[in-house]
Amino acid sequence: MADKFASSVDVSGEDIHWDMKDKMSYAGYLGLDTLLASQHPLSDEHDEMLFILIHQVGEIWMKLILHETAGAVAHLRKDEIGPALKMFTRVARVQEQLIAAWDVLATMTPADYLAFRDSLGQSSGFQSYQYRTMEFRLGNKNAELARVHKSNPQAWDMVTGALEAPSLWDETLRLLARRGYAIPADKIERDWTQPYEPSKAVEDVWREIYRDSKTHWEAYELGEKLVDLEHKFQQWRFNHMKTVERIIGYRRGTGGTAGVGYLVKALDLRFFPEIWTVRTSL
């Protein structure tokens, strides 16, 4: 009987291999032993597991966003808009998962959270180096915000790498310049660590693209993908802010930030400014 189950058995038309010794398994391929052993609540409170998992899942999705945006930037540098658009579409779907995750966390009441909040110490989402890398790559450059990661060499290299490289918006403008659009020279070669300053000349280029989308279809489609990306990022920020408000009100954040007040200010930030302001003048 034991030999029978160690062999290949036909179940519903599929060959199932029960003996996985010395073979690649599902758990082995995905590293599930490590992944599922990475949750270490510091209290006995039931809801701390939810809190840990929501943030870990968010970090995994952010890892995919960084992977996809890096691929998209590589294509834009080679003037390959089509493959970049596919990657931006995937990023948008990942963003939907991140947005929806706040609804799960919102099932936690203030009492649930306060029961284990002291266990967090000074840890805070503000310290997420993947999030900071993502913001820098999208264009919200602020060298001061990188300093918190200086004690972690891996995080420091990732964050400063994104800080010192052209952002996604910078790469978009450089692509348009290569294609003959009148992008000012100071927008395609500058100190990439500095925040981007909006330009009327850049807005004029986007007005030209949007007013004749048939002629400028690839650039137009790229612009709309970027709008979608930023729109969903703002939805994520808003849901984050409202979830925090729902659970802790206007208390200060664990990492020393102003909590909801800090998150509200972030809603005013723009990654791709001219592609939004041009809508008023079309």
C-alpha atoms as a PDB file:
ATOM      1  CA  MET A   1       0.000   0.000   0.000  1.00  0.00           C
ATOM      2  CA  ALA A   2       2.817   2.427   0.878  1.00  0.00           C
ATOM      3  CA  ASP A   3       4.480   1.756  -2.492  1.00  0.00           C
ATOM      4  CA  LYS A   4       1.208   2.454  -4.271  1.00  0.00           C
ATOM      5  CA  PHE A   5       0.910   5.940  -2.786  1.00  0.00           C
ATOM      6  CA  ALA A   6       4.570   6.672  -3.438  1.00  0.00           C
ATOM      7  CA  SER A   7       3.959   6.226  -7.150  1.00  0.00           C
ATOM      8  CA  SER A   8       2.085   8.358  -9.654  1.00  0.00           C
ATOM      9  CA  VAL A   9      -1.688   8.143  -9.107  1.00  0.00           C
ATOM     10  CA  ASP A  10      -4.302   9.290 -11.591  1.00  0.00           C
ATOM     11  CA  VAL A  11      -6.827  11.596  -9.877  1.00  0.00           C
ATOM     12  CA  SER A  12      -9.428  13.266 -12.096  1.00  0.00           C
ATOM     13  CA  GLY A  13      -7.216  12.824 -15.117  1.00  0.00           C
ATOM     14  CA  GLU A  14      -4.103  14.316 -13.464  1.00  0.00           C
ATOM     15  CA  ASP A  15      -0.881  12.545 -12.547  1.00  0.00           C
ATOM     16  CA  ILE A  16      -0.175  13.318  -8.889  1.00  0.00           C
ATOM     17  CA  HIS A  17       3.311  12.576  -7.554  1.00  0.00           C
ATOM     18  CA  TRP A  18       3.032  11.834  -3.845  1.00  0.00           C
ATOM     19  CA  ASP A  19       6.699  11.208  -3.198  1.00  0.00           C
ATOM     20  CA  MET A  20       8.383  14.614  -3.453  1.00  0.00           C
ATOM     21  CA  LYS A  21      11.658  13.580  -1.832  1.00  0.00           C
ATOM     22  CA  ASP A  22      14.592  15.080  -3.784  1.00  0.00           C
ATOM     23  CA  LYS A  23      12.165  16.939  -6.103  1.00  0.00           C
ATOM     24  CA  MET A  24      11.259  20.610  -6.304  1.00  0.00           C
ATOM     25  CA  SER A  25       8.037  21.127  -4.352  1.00  0.00           C
ATOM     26  CA  TYR A  26       5.481  23.922  -4.221  1.00  0.00           C
ATOM     27  CA  ALA A  27       6.611  24.911  -0.734  1.00  0.00           C
ATOM     28  CA  GLY A  28      10.263  24.714  -1.690  1.00  0.00           C
ATOM     29  CA  TYR A  29       9.876  26.790  -4.843  1.00  0.00           C
ATOM     30  CA  LEU A  30       8.003  29.532  -2.960  1.00  0.00           C
ATOM     31  CA  GLY A  31      10.166  29.361   0.168  1.00  0.00           C
ATOM     32  CA  LEU A  32       7.042  28.878   2.264  1.00  0.00           C
ATOM     33  CA  ASP A  33       8.907  27.573   5.299  1.00  0.00           C
ATOM     34  CA  THR A  34      10.703  30.919   5.573  1.00  0.00           C
ATOM     35  CA  LEU A  35       7.707  33.015   4.520  1.00  0.00           C
ATOM     36  CA  LEU A  36       5.222  31.451   6.923  1.00  0.00           C
ATOM     37  CA  ALA A  37       7.701  31.496   9.792  1.00  0.00           C
ATOM     38  CA  SER A  38       8.263  35.261   9.449  1.00  0.00           C
ATOM     39  CA  GLN A  39       5.378  36.393  11.674  1.00  0.00           C
ATOM     40  CA  HIS A  40       6.510  37.033  15.251  1.00  0.00           C
ATOM     41  CA  PRO A  41       3.865  38.780  17.367  1.00  0.00           C
ATOM     42  CA  LEU A  42       5.342  40.435  20.453  1.00  0.00           C
ATOM     43  CA  SER A  43       2.141  40.252  22.454  1.00  0.00           C
ATOM     44  CA  ASP A  44      -0.564  37.676  23.107  1.00  0.00           C
ATOM     45  CA  GLU A  45      -3.200  39.864  21.450  1.00  0.00           C
ATOM     46  CA  HIS A  46      -5.170  38.150  18.682  1.00  0.00           C
ATOM     47  CA  ASP A  47      -5.165  41.109  16.262  1.00  0.00           C
ATOM     48  CA  GLU A  48      -1.399  41.600  16.194  1.00  0.00           C
ATOM     49  CA  MET A  49      -1.146  38.773  13.638  1.00  0.00           C
ATOM     50  CA  LEU A  50      -3.484  40.675  11.320  1.00  0.00           C
ATOM     51  CA  PHE A  51      -1.408  43.834  11.728  1.00  0.00           C
ATOM     52  CA  ILE A  52       1.834  42.028  10.909  1.00  0.00           C
ATOM     53  CA  LEU A  53       0.456  40.146   7.910  1.00  0.00           C
ATOM     54  CA  ILE A  54      -1.193  43.178   6.318  1.00  0.00           C
ATOM     55  CA  HIS A  55       2.096  45.048   6.386  1.00  0.00           C
ATOM     56  CA  GLN A  56       4.139  42.067   5.202  1.00  0.00           C
ATOM     57  CA  VAL A  57       1.781  41.478   2.289  1.00  0.00           C
ATOM     58  CA  GLY A  58       2.024  45.180   1.465  1.00  0.00           C
ATOM     59  CA  GLU A  59       5.817  44.930   1.347  1.00  0.00           C
ATOM     60  CA  ILE A  60       5.603  41.932  -0.997  1.00  0.00           C
ATOM     61  CA  TRP A  61       3.282  43.838  -3.350  1.00  0.00           C
ATOM     62  CA  MET A  62       5.626  46.839  -3.204  1.00  0.00           C
ATOM     63  CA  LYS A  63       8.478  44.544  -4.199  1.00  0.00           C
ATOM     64  CA  LEU A  64       6.519  43.644  -7.333  1.00  0.00           C
ATOM     65  CA  ILE A  65       5.757  47.311  -8.047  1.00  0.00           C
ATOM     66  CA  LEU A  66       9.474  48.106  -7.835  1.00  0.00           C
ATOM     67  CA  HIS A  67      10.224  45.164 -10.132  1.00  0.00           C
ATOM     68  CA  GLU A  68       7.642  46.254 -12.703  1.00  0.00           C
ATOM     69  CA  THR A  69       8.499  49.961 -12.645  1.00  0.00           C
ATOM     70  CA  ALA A  70      12.210  49.130 -13.039  1.00  0.00           C
ATOM     71  CA  GLY A  71      11.311  47.071 -16.094  1.00  0.00           C
ATOM     72  CA  ALA A  72       9.096  49.851 -17.450  1.00  0.00           C
ATOM     73  CA  VAL A  73      11.857  52.439 -17.025  1.00  0.00           C
ATOM     74  CA  ALA A  74      14.302  50.161 -18.856  1.00  0.00           C
ATOM     75  CA  HIS A  75      11.869  49.987 -21.789  1.00  0.00           C
ATOM     76  CA  LEU A  76      11.264  53.748 -21.795  1.00  0.00           C
ATOM     77  CA  ARG A  77      15.020  54.328 -22.000  1.00  0.00           C
ATOM     78  CA  LYS A  78      14.980  52.235 -25.190  1.00  0.00           C
ATOM     79  CA  ASP A  79      11.931  54.113 -26.551  1.00  0.00           C
ATOM     80  CA  GLU A  80       9.817  50.971 -26.176  1.00  0.00           C
ATOM     81  CA  ILE A  81       6.520  52.375 -24.967  1.00  0.00           C
ATOM     82  CA  GLY A  82       4.377  49.288 -25.643  1.00  0.00           C
ATOM     83  CA  PRO A  83       6.093  46.895 -23.208  1.00  0.00           C
ATOM     84  CA  ALA A  84       6.255  49.673 -20.591  1.00  0.00           C
ATOM     85  CA  LEU A  85       2.483  50.169 -20.851  1.00  0.00           C
ATOM     86  CA  LYS A  86       1.907  46.480 -20.133  1.00  0.00           C
ATOM     87  CA  MET A  87       3.996  46.768 -16.973  1.00  0.00           C
ATOM     88  CA  PHE A  88       2.145  49.900 -15.865  1.00  0.00           C
ATOM     89  CA  THR A  89      -1.138  48.023 -16.306  1.00  0.00           C
ATOM     90  CA  ARG A  90       0.161  45.309 -13.994  1.00  0.00           C
ATOM     91  CA  VAL A  91       1.270  47.928 -11.452  1.00  0.00           C
ATOM     92  CA  ALA A  92      -2.266  49.356 -11.464  1.00  0.00           C
ATOM     93  CA  ARG A  93      -3.694  45.919 -10.632  1.00  0.00           C
ATOM     94  CA  VAL A  94      -1.187  45.519  -7.800  1.00  0.00           C
ATOM     95  CA  GLN A  95      -2.174  48.943  -6.499  1.00  0.00           C
ATOM     96  CA  GLU A  96      -5.785  47.768  -6.326  1.00  0.00           C
ATOM     97  CA  GLN A  97      -4.665  44.974  -3.999  1.00  0.00           C
ATOM     98  CA  LEU A  98      -2.845  47.486  -1.781  1.00  0.00           C
ATOM     99  CA  ILE A  99      -5.906  49.741  -1.687  1.00  0.00           C
ATOM    100  CA  ALA A 100      -8.201  46.854  -0.755  1.00  0.00           C
ATOM    101  CA  ALA A 101      -5.880  45.745   2.060  1.00  0.00           C
ATOM    102  CA  TRP A 102      -6.850  48.799   4.124  1.00  0.00           C
ATOM    103  CA  ASP A 103     -10.430  47.464   4.256  1.00  0.00           C
ATOM    104  CA  VAL A 104      -9.113  44.317   5.928  1.00  0.00           C
ATOM    105  CA  LEU A 105      -7.050  46.275   8.447  1.00  0.00           C
ATOM    106  CA  ALA A 106     -10.059  48.509   9.157  1.00  0.00           C
ATOM    107  CA  THR A 107     -11.784  45.511  10.790  1.00  0.00           C
ATOM    108  CA  MET A 108      -9.462  46.231  13.730  1.00  0.00           C
ATOM    109  CA  THR A 109     -11.045  48.487  16.352  1.00  0.00           C
ATOM    110  CA  PRO A 110      -9.189  51.131  18.389  1.00  0.00           C
ATOM    111  CA  ALA A 111      -9.302  48.827  21.411  1.00  0.00           C
ATOM    112  CA  ASP A 112      -7.862  45.945  19.369  1.00  0.00           C
ATOM    113  CA  TYR A 113      -4.923  48.068  18.225  1.00  0.00           C
ATOM    114  CA  LEU A 114      -4.218  49.789  21.525  1.00  0.00           C
ATOM    115  CA  ALA A 115      -3.982  46.382  23.196  1.00  0.00           C
ATOM    116  CA  PHE A 116      -0.672  45.680  21.404  1.00  0.00           C
ATOM    117  CA  ARG A 117       0.467  49.124  20.167  1.00  0.00           C
ATOM    118  CA  ASP A 118       3.190  49.454  22.798  1.00  0.00           C
ATOM    119  CA  SER A 119       4.810  46.302  21.389  1.00  0.00           C
ATOM    120  CA  LEU A 120       5.638  48.205  18.194  1.00  0.00           C
ATOM    121  CA  GLY A 121       8.111  50.487  19.924  1.00  0.00           C
ATOM    122  CA  GLN A 122       9.391  53.068  17.421  1.00  0.00           C
ATOM    123  CA  SER A 123       8.661  50.929  14.355  1.00  0.00           C
ATOM    124  CA  SER A 124       6.563  52.719  11.730  1.00  0.00           C
ATOM    125  CA  GLY A 125       5.560  52.402   8.092  1.00  0.00           C
ATOM    126  CA  PHE A 126       7.468  55.678   7.656  1.00  0.00           C
ATOM    127  CA  GLN A 127      10.602  53.513   7.916  1.00  0.00           C
ATOM    128  CA  SER A 128       9.698  51.263   4.969  1.00  0.00           C
ATOM    129  CA  TYR A 129      12.648  51.488   2.594  1.00  0.00           C
ATOM    130  CA  GLN A 130      10.690  49.883  -0.241  1.00  0.00           C
ATOM    131  CA  TYR A 131       7.987  52.538   0.082  1.00  0.00           C
ATOM    132  CA  ARG A 132      10.594  55.301   0.115  1.00  0.00           C
ATOM    133  CA  THR A 133      12.293  53.787  -2.934  1.00  0.00           C
ATOM    134  CA  MET A 134       8.936  53.646  -4.696  1.00  0.00           C
ATOM    135  CA  GLU A 135       8.177  57.302  -3.925  1.00  0.00           C
ATOM    136  CA  PHE A 136      11.622  58.415  -5.109  1.00  0.00           C
ATOM    137  CA  ARG A 137      11.291  56.382  -8.292  1.00  0.00           C
ATOM    138  CA  LEU A 138       7.907  57.932  -9.007  1.00  0.00           C
ATOM    139  CA  GLY A 139       9.284  61.417  -8.383  1.00  0.00           C
ATOM    140  CA  ASN A 140       8.715  62.570  -4.800  1.00  0.00           C
ATOM    141  CA  LYS A 141      12.385  63.341  -4.138  1.00  0.00           C
ATOM    142  CA  ASN A 142      13.409  64.438  -0.643  1.00  0.00           C
ATOM    143  CA  ALA A 143      16.946  63.624   0.457  1.00  0.00           C
ATOM    144  CA  GLU A 144      16.096  64.227   4.125  1.00  0.00           C
ATOM    145  CA  LEU A 145      13.668  61.297   4.072  1.00  0.00           C
ATOM    146  CA  ALA A 146      16.471  58.941   3.019  1.00  0.00           C
ATOM    147  CA  ARG A 147      18.509  59.569   6.190  1.00  0.00           C
ATOM    148  CA  VAL A 148      16.412  57.247   8.342  1.00  0.00           C
ATOM    149  CA  HIS A 149      17.816  54.302   6.346  1.00  0.00           C
ATOM    150  CA  LYS A 150      21.502  55.181   6.689  1.00  0.00           C
ATOM    151  CA  SER A 151      22.158  52.518   9.342  1.00  0.00           C
ATOM    152  CA  ASN A 152      20.938  49.739   7.012  1.00  0.00           C
ATOM    153  CA  PRO A 153      23.419  49.373   4.105  1.00  0.00           C
ATOM    154  CA  GLN A 154      21.031  47.392   1.891  1.00  0.00           C
ATOM    155  CA  ALA A 155      18.179  49.847   2.435  1.00  0.00           C
ATOM    156  CA  TRP A 156      20.513  52.840   2.036  1.00  0.00           C
ATOM    157  CA  ASP A 157      21.808  51.606  -1.322  1.00  0.00           C
ATOM    158  CA  MET A 158      18.277  50.977  -2.599  1.00  0.00           C
ATOM    159  CA  VAL A 159      16.854  54.296  -1.432  1.00  0.00           C
ATOM    160  CA  THR A 160      19.789  56.488  -2.499  1.00  0.00           C
ATOM    161  CA  GLY A 161      19.932  54.667  -5.817  1.00  0.00           C
ATOM    162  CA  ALA A 162      16.362  55.758  -6.502  1.00  0.00           C
ATOM    163  CA  LEU A 163      17.065  59.256  -5.153  1.00  0.00           C
ATOM    164  CA  GLU A 164      20.027  59.807  -7.472  1.00  0.00           C
ATOM    165  CA  ALA A 165      18.424  58.340 -10.610  1.00  0.00           C
ATOM    166  CA  PRO A 166      15.953  60.035 -12.952  1.00  0.00           C
ATOM    167  CA  SER A 167      12.392  59.459 -11.756  1.00  0.00           C
ATOM    168  CA  LEU A 168       9.698  57.875 -13.875  1.00  0.00           C
ATOM    169  CA  TRP A 169       8.509  61.356 -14.842  1.00  0.00           C
ATOM    170  CA  ASP A 170      12.059  62.414 -15.732  1.00  0.00           C
ATOM    171  CA  GLU A 171      12.405  59.344 -17.969  1.00  0.00           C
ATOM    172  CA  THR A 172       9.068  60.130 -19.615  1.00  0.00           C
ATOM    173  CA  LEU A 173      10.164  63.678 -20.429  1.00  0.00           C
ATOM    174  CA  ARG A 174      13.511  62.448 -21.751  1.00  0.00           C
ATOM    175  CA  LEU A 175      11.706  60.015 -24.035  1.00  0.00           C
ATOM    176  CA  LEU A 176       9.469  62.820 -25.341  1.00  0.00           C
ATOM    177  CA  ALA A 177      12.550  64.977 -25.969  1.00  0.00           C
ATOM    178  CA  ARG A 178      14.182  62.171 -27.969  1.00  0.00           C
ATOM    179  CA  ARG A 179      11.019  61.965 -30.057  1.00  0.00           C
ATOM    180  CA  GLY A 180      11.207  65.634 -30.960  1.00  0.00           C
ATOM    181  CA  TYR A 181       8.854  67.219 -28.464  1.00  0.00           C
ATOM    182  CA  ALA A 182       9.892  70.638 -27.119  1.00  0.00           C
ATOM    183  CA  ILE A 183      10.936  69.589 -23.628  1.00  0.00           C
ATOM    184  CA  PRO A 184      13.230  72.220 -22.037  1.00  0.00           C
ATOM    185  CA  ALA A 185      16.876  71.207 -21.721  1.00  0.00           C
ATOM    186  CA  ASP A 186      16.862  71.763 -17.946  1.00  0.00           C
ATOM    187  CA  LYS A 187      14.190  69.043 -17.605  1.00  0.00           C
ATOM    188  CA  ILE A 188      16.195  66.317 -19.300  1.00  0.00           C
ATOM    189  CA  GLU A 189      19.550  66.958 -17.613  1.00  0.00           C
ATOM    190  CA  ARG A 190      19.488  68.148 -14.014  1.00  0.00           C
ATOM    191  CA  ASP A 191      20.310  67.179 -10.440  1.00  0.00           C
ATOM    192  CA  TRP A 192      18.008  64.167 -10.073  1.00  0.00           C
ATOM    193  CA  THR A 193      18.140  64.302  -6.267  1.00  0.00           C
ATOM    194  CA  GLN A 194      16.189  67.555  -6.310  1.00  0.00           C
ATOM    195  CA  PRO A 195      12.390  67.784  -6.456  1.00  0.00           C
ATOM    196  CA  TYR A 196      10.991  68.313  -9.930  1.00  0.00           C
ATOM    197  CA  GLU A 197       9.716  71.836 -10.631  1.00  0.00           C
ATOM    198  CA  PRO A 198       6.651  72.053 -12.928  1.00  0.00           C
ATOM    199  CA  SER A 199       7.130  73.788 -16.253  1.00  0.00           C
ATOM    200  CA  LYS A 200       4.697  75.668 -18.492  1.00  0.00           C
ATOM    201  CA  ALA A 201       6.662  74.465 -21.516  1.00  0.00           C
ATOM    202  CA  VAL A 202       6.150  70.833 -20.439  1.00  0.00           C
ATOM    203  CA  GLU A 203       2.441  71.489 -19.920  1.00  0.00           C
ATOM    204  CA  ASP A 204       2.289  72.947 -23.439  1.00  0.00           C
ATOM    205  CA  VAL A 205       3.752  69.699 -24.811  1.00  0.00           C
ATOM    206  CA  TRP A 206       1.104  67.646 -23.046  1.00  0.00           C
ATOM    207  CA  ARG A 207      -1.599  70.015 -24.299  1.00  0.00           C
ATOM    208  CA  GLU A 208      -0.405  69.334 -27.843  1.00  0.00           C
ATOM    209  CA  ILE A 209      -0.489  65.584 -27.190  1.00  0.00           C
ATOM    210  CA  TYR A 210      -3.950  65.591 -25.625  1.00  0.00           C
ATOM    211  CA  ARG A 211      -5.529  67.878 -28.206  1.00  0.00           C
ATOM    212  CA  ASP A 212      -4.463  65.583 -31.053  1.00  0.00           C
ATOM    213  CA  SER A 213      -4.305  62.153 -29.481  1.00  0.00           C
ATOM    214  CA  LYS A 214      -4.571  60.337 -32.828  1.00  0.00           C
ATOM    215  CA  THR A 215      -1.344  61.911 -34.050  1.00  0.00           C
ATOM    216  CA  HIS A 216       0.414  61.437 -30.707  1.00  0.00           C
ATOM    217  CA  TRP A 217      -1.230  58.153 -29.704  1.00  0.00           C
ATOM    218  CA  GLU A 218       1.726  56.446 -27.982  1.00  0.00           C
ATOM    219  CA  ALA A 219       2.583  59.519 -25.906  1.00  0.00           C
ATOM    220  CA  TYR A 220      -1.101  60.022 -25.122  1.00  0.00           C
ATOM    221  CA  GLU A 221      -1.516  56.437 -23.966  1.00  0.00           C
ATOM    222  CA  LEU A 222       1.642  56.690 -21.850  1.00  0.00           C
ATOM    223  CA  GLY A 223       0.267  59.836 -20.239  1.00  0.00           C
ATOM    224  CA  GLU A 224      -3.002  58.109 -19.361  1.00  0.00           C
ATOM    225  CA  LYS A 225      -1.195  55.139 -17.813  1.00  0.00           C
ATOM    226  CA  LEU A 226       0.767  57.533 -15.623  1.00  0.00           C
ATOM    227  CA  VAL A 227      -2.438  59.310 -14.600  1.00  0.00           C
ATOM    228  CA  ASP A 228      -3.917  55.943 -13.668  1.00  0.00           C
ATOM    229  CA  LEU A 229      -0.834  55.035 -11.644  1.00  0.00           C
ATOM    230  CA  GLU A 230      -0.892  58.305  -9.695  1.00  0.00           C
ATOM    231  CA  HIS A 231      -4.669  58.211  -9.243  1.00  0.00           C
ATOM    232  CA  LYS A 232      -4.441  54.784  -7.613  1.00  0.00           C
ATOM    233  CA  PHE A 233      -1.484  55.890  -5.505  1.00  0.00           C
ATOM    234  CA  GLN A 234      -3.611  58.740  -4.185  1.00  0.00           C
ATOM    235  CA  GLN A 235      -6.456  56.320  -3.464  1.00  0.00           C
ATOM    236  CA  TRP A 236      -3.991  54.184  -1.506  1.00  0.00           C
ATOM    237  CA  ARG A 237      -2.818  57.237   0.457  1.00  0.00           C
ATOM    238  CA  PHE A 238      -6.396  58.317   1.161  1.00  0.00           C
ATOM    239  CA  ASN A 239      -7.456  54.862   2.356  1.00  0.00           C
ATOM    240  CA  HIS A 240      -4.322  54.721   4.503  1.00  0.00           C
ATOM    241  CA  MET A 241      -5.153  58.064   6.087  1.00  0.00           C
ATOM    242  CA  LYS A 242      -8.811  57.163   6.747  1.00  0.00           C
ATOM    243  CA  THR A 243      -7.900  53.765   8.200  1.00  0.00           C
ATOM    244  CA  VAL A 244      -5.392  55.357  10.569  1.00  0.00           C
ATOM    245  CA  GLU A 245      -7.969  57.992  11.544  1.00  0.00           C
ATOM    246  CA  ARG A 246     -10.538  55.271  12.157  1.00  0.00           C
ATOM    247  CA  ILE A 247      -8.237  53.259  14.419  1.00  0.00           C
ATOM    248  CA  ILE A 248      -6.130  55.835  16.314  1.00  0.00           C
ATOM    249  CA  GLY A 249      -7.756  59.188  15.536  1.00  0.00           C
ATOM    250  CA  TYR A 250      -5.242  62.040  15.670  1.00  0.00           C
ATOM    251  CA  ARG A 251      -2.713  60.379  17.978  1.00  0.00           C
ATOM    252  CA  ARG A 252       0.937  60.711  16.949  1.00  0.00           C
ATOM    253  CA  GLY A 253       2.350  57.844  14.901  1.00  0.00           C
ATOM    254  CA  THR A 254       4.589  55.224  16.518  1.00  0.00           C
ATOM    255  CA  GLY A 255       7.630  56.490  14.607  1.00  0.00           C
ATOM    256  CA  GLY A 256       7.129  60.065  15.817  1.00  0.00           C
ATOM    257  CA  THR A 257       5.231  61.375  12.776  1.00  0.00           C
ATOM    258  CA  ALA A 258       2.106  63.486  13.124  1.00  0.00           C
ATOM    259  CA  GLY A 259      -0.025  60.475  12.192  1.00  0.00           C
ATOM    260  CA  VAL A 260      -3.161  61.487  10.294  1.00  0.00           C
ATOM    261  CA  GLY A 261      -1.891  65.063   9.904  1.00  0.00           C
ATOM    262  CA  TYR A 262       1.217  63.805   8.103  1.00  0.00           C
ATOM    263  CA  LEU A 263      -0.848  61.538   5.854  1.00  0.00           C
ATOM    264  CA  VAL A 264      -3.260  64.356   4.950  1.00  0.00           C
ATOM    265  CA  LYS A 265      -0.367  66.531   3.740  1.00  0.00           C
ATOM    266  CA  ALA A 266       0.861  63.670   1.538  1.00  0.00           C
ATOM    267  CA  LEU A 267      -2.423  63.817  -0.394  1.00  0.00           C
ATOM    268  CA  ASP A 268      -1.319  67.119  -1.948  1.00  0.00           C
ATOM    269  CA  LEU A 269       1.866  65.675  -3.460  1.00  0.00           C
ATOM    270  CA  ARG A 270       2.052  65.157  -7.230  1.00  0.00           C
ATOM    271  CA  PHE A 271       4.412  62.868  -9.154  1.00  0.00           C
ATOM    272  CA  PHE A 272       3.466  63.979 -12.679  1.00  0.00           C
ATOM    273  CA  PRO A 273       2.218  67.557 -12.211  1.00  0.00           C
ATOM    274  CA  GLU A 274       1.777  68.878 -15.761  1.00  0.00           C
ATOM    275  CA  ILE A 275      -0.271  65.908 -16.858  1.00  0.00           C
ATOM    276  CA  TRP A 276      -2.826  66.950 -14.236  1.00  0.00           C
ATOM    277  CA  THR A 277      -2.735  70.729 -14.663  1.00  0.00           C
ATOM    278  CA  VAL A 278      -3.090  70.447 -18.442  1.00  0.00           C
ATOM    279  CA  ARG A 279      -6.614  69.090 -17.960  1.00  0.00           C
ATOM    280  CA  THR A 280      -7.837  72.511 -16.869  1.00  0.00           C
ATOM    281  CA  SER A 281      -6.674  74.204 -20.066  1.00  0.00           C
ATOM    282  CA  LEU A 282      -7.700  71.637 -22.698  1.00  0.00           C
END
